[in-house]
């Protein structure tokens, strides 16, 4: 005899997959934003270095 037993699941599989994707998306966006901030900081540091160099030459 084969009987199908109901499975006890906290959340439907679709919701779990959506939550996992949103976590990955959030991580991706966070890392992307962090990279943008680092790039801006590097650019600012280069500009600051150039200004200091110009000031020291005068």
N, C-alpha and C. Protein backbone atom coordinates (compact mmCIF):
# COMPACT_ATOMS: atom_id res chain seq x y z
N UNK A 1 0.82 -1.18 0.00
CA UNK A 1 0.00 0.00 0.00
C UNK A 1 0.87 1.25 0.00
N UNK A 2 0.53 2.13 -0.85
CA UNK A 2 1.23 3.42 -0.90
C UNK A 2 0.27 4.51 -0.48
N UNK A 3 0.60 5.18 0.61
CA UNK A 3 -0.20 6.31 1.06
C UNK A 3 0.68 7.55 1.01
N UNK A 4 0.10 8.63 0.62
CA UNK A 4 0.82 9.90 0.58
C UNK A 4 0.58 10.62 1.89
N UNK A 5 1.66 10.93 2.57
CA UNK A 5 1.56 11.63 3.85
C UNK A 5 1.73 13.12 3.62
N UNK A 6 0.94 13.95 4.28
CA UNK A 6 1.12 15.39 4.14
C UNK A 6 2.44 15.81 4.79
N UNK A 7 3.10 16.75 4.16
CA UNK A 7 4.37 17.24 4.69
C UNK A 7 4.13 18.49 5.51
N UNK A 8 4.82 18.57 6.61
CA UNK A 8 4.73 19.77 7.46
C UNK A 8 5.80 20.74 7.01
N UNK A 9 5.38 21.88 6.47
CA UNK A 9 6.31 22.88 5.95
C UNK A 9 5.99 24.22 6.59
N UNK A 10 7.04 24.87 7.09
CA UNK A 10 6.83 26.19 7.69
C UNK A 10 6.40 27.21 6.65
N UNK A 11 7.10 27.23 5.54
CA UNK A 11 6.80 28.18 4.47
C UNK A 11 6.72 27.42 3.15
N UNK A 12 5.89 27.88 2.25
CA UNK A 12 5.88 27.26 0.93
C UNK A 12 7.22 27.44 0.24
N UNK A 13 7.56 26.53 -0.63
CA UNK A 13 8.85 26.56 -1.30
C UNK A 13 9.00 27.85 -2.10
N UNK A 14 7.96 28.31 -2.75
CA UNK A 14 8.06 29.54 -3.55
C UNK A 14 8.45 30.73 -2.69
N UNK A 15 7.89 30.85 -1.51
CA UNK A 15 8.24 31.97 -0.62
C UNK A 15 9.70 31.88 -0.20
N UNK A 16 10.17 30.67 0.10
CA UNK A 16 11.57 30.49 0.52
C UNK A 16 12.50 30.88 -0.61
N UNK A 17 12.19 30.48 -1.83
CA UNK A 17 13.03 30.82 -2.97
C UNK A 17 13.04 32.33 -3.16
N UNK A 18 11.91 32.97 -3.06
CA UNK A 18 11.83 34.42 -3.22
C UNK A 18 12.64 35.12 -2.14
N UNK A 19 12.55 34.64 -0.90
CA UNK A 19 13.33 35.25 0.18
C UNK A 19 14.82 35.09 -0.07
N UNK A 20 15.24 33.89 -0.54
CA UNK A 20 16.65 33.67 -0.83
C UNK A 20 17.12 34.59 -1.94
N UNK A 21 16.31 34.73 -2.96
CA UNK A 21 16.71 35.62 -4.06
C UNK A 21 16.79 37.06 -3.58
N UNK A 22 15.85 37.47 -2.76
CA UNK A 22 15.90 38.85 -2.29
C UNK A 22 17.11 39.07 -1.39
N UNK A 23 17.50 38.07 -0.61
CA UNK A 23 18.72 38.19 0.20
C UNK A 23 19.94 38.34 -0.70
N UNK A 24 19.99 37.53 -1.76
CA UNK A 24 21.12 37.63 -2.69
C UNK A 24 21.11 38.98 -3.38
N UNK A 25 19.92 39.43 -3.77
CA UNK A 25 19.82 40.73 -4.42
C UNK A 25 20.27 41.84 -3.48
N UNK A 26 19.85 41.73 -2.22
CA UNK A 26 20.26 42.75 -1.24
C UNK A 26 21.77 42.74 -1.05
N UNK A 27 22.36 41.55 -0.99
CA UNK A 27 23.81 41.46 -0.85
C UNK A 27 24.50 42.04 -2.07
N UNK A 28 23.98 41.72 -3.26
CA UNK A 28 24.55 42.26 -4.49
C UNK A 28 24.50 43.79 -4.49
N UNK A 29 23.33 44.33 -4.13
CA UNK A 29 23.19 45.78 -4.12
C UNK A 29 24.09 46.42 -3.08
N UNK A 30 24.23 45.76 -1.94
CA UNK A 30 25.10 46.28 -0.88
C UNK A 30 26.56 46.30 -1.36
N UNK A 31 27.00 45.21 -1.99
CA UNK A 31 28.38 45.15 -2.46
C UNK A 31 28.61 46.15 -3.60
N UNK A 32 27.61 46.31 -4.45
CA UNK A 32 27.72 47.28 -5.55
C UNK A 32 27.84 48.69 -5.00
N UNK A 33 27.01 49.02 -4.02
CA UNK A 33 27.05 50.35 -3.40
C UNK A 33 28.40 50.58 -2.72
N UNK A 34 28.89 49.54 -2.04
CA UNK A 34 30.18 49.65 -1.36
C UNK A 34 31.29 49.90 -2.38
N UNK A 35 31.25 49.23 -3.51
CA UNK A 35 32.26 49.43 -4.56
C UNK A 35 32.19 50.85 -5.10
N UNK A 36 30.98 51.37 -5.27
CA UNK A 36 30.83 52.75 -5.75
C UNK A 36 31.41 53.74 -4.76
N UNK A 37 31.17 53.51 -3.48
CA UNK A 37 31.70 54.41 -2.43
C UNK A 37 33.22 54.35 -2.41
N UNK A 38 33.78 53.15 -2.51
CA UNK A 38 35.24 53.01 -2.53
C UNK A 38 35.84 53.73 -3.74
N UNK A 39 35.17 53.61 -4.89
CA UNK A 39 35.66 54.27 -6.09
C UNK A 39 35.65 55.79 -5.91
N UNK A 40 34.58 56.32 -5.31
CA UNK A 40 34.50 57.76 -5.07
C UNK A 40 35.57 58.21 -4.08
N UNK A 41 35.81 57.40 -3.05
CA UNK A 41 36.85 57.74 -2.07
C UNK A 41 38.23 57.73 -2.71
N UNK A 42 38.49 56.75 -3.58
CA UNK A 42 39.78 56.71 -4.28
C UNK A 42 39.96 57.93 -5.16
N UNK A 43 38.88 58.30 -5.86
CA UNK A 43 38.94 59.48 -6.72
C UNK A 43 39.20 60.74 -5.89
N UNK A 44 38.53 60.85 -4.76
CA UNK A 44 38.73 62.01 -3.88
C UNK A 44 40.17 62.03 -3.36
N UNK A 45 40.69 60.87 -2.99
CA UNK A 45 42.06 60.81 -2.48
C UNK A 45 43.06 61.25 -3.55
N UNK A 46 42.84 60.85 -4.81
CA UNK A 46 43.72 61.28 -5.90
C UNK A 46 43.65 62.79 -6.08
N UNK A 47 42.44 63.33 -6.07
CA UNK A 47 42.28 64.78 -6.23
C UNK A 47 42.94 65.53 -5.08
N UNK A 48 42.77 65.04 -3.88
CA UNK A 48 43.37 65.67 -2.71
C UNK A 48 44.90 65.64 -2.81
N UNK A 49 45.41 64.53 -3.27
CA UNK A 49 46.86 64.40 -3.43
C UNK A 49 47.38 65.39 -4.45
N UNK A 50 46.64 65.56 -5.55
CA UNK A 50 47.05 66.53 -6.58
C UNK A 50 47.03 67.95 -6.04
N UNK A 51 46.02 68.30 -5.28
CA UNK A 51 45.91 69.64 -4.70
C UNK A 51 47.06 69.89 -3.72
N UNK A 52 47.37 68.90 -2.89
CA UNK A 52 48.49 69.05 -1.94
C UNK A 52 49.80 69.23 -2.69
N UNK A 53 49.97 68.49 -3.78
CA UNK A 53 51.18 68.60 -4.57
C UNK A 53 51.29 70.00 -5.19
N UNK A 54 50.20 70.50 -5.74
CA UNK A 54 50.20 71.84 -6.33
C UNK A 54 50.49 72.91 -5.28
N UNK A 55 49.93 72.76 -4.09
CA UNK A 55 50.16 73.74 -3.02
C UNK A 55 51.62 73.73 -2.58
N UNK A 56 52.19 72.56 -2.53
CA UNK A 56 53.58 72.47 -2.06
C UNK A 56 54.55 73.04 -3.10
N UNK A 57 54.15 73.07 -4.37
CA UNK A 57 55.02 73.61 -5.43
C UNK A 57 55.01 75.13 -5.45
N UNK A 58 53.99 75.76 -4.91
CA UNK A 58 53.88 77.23 -4.94
C UNK A 58 54.66 77.86 -3.84
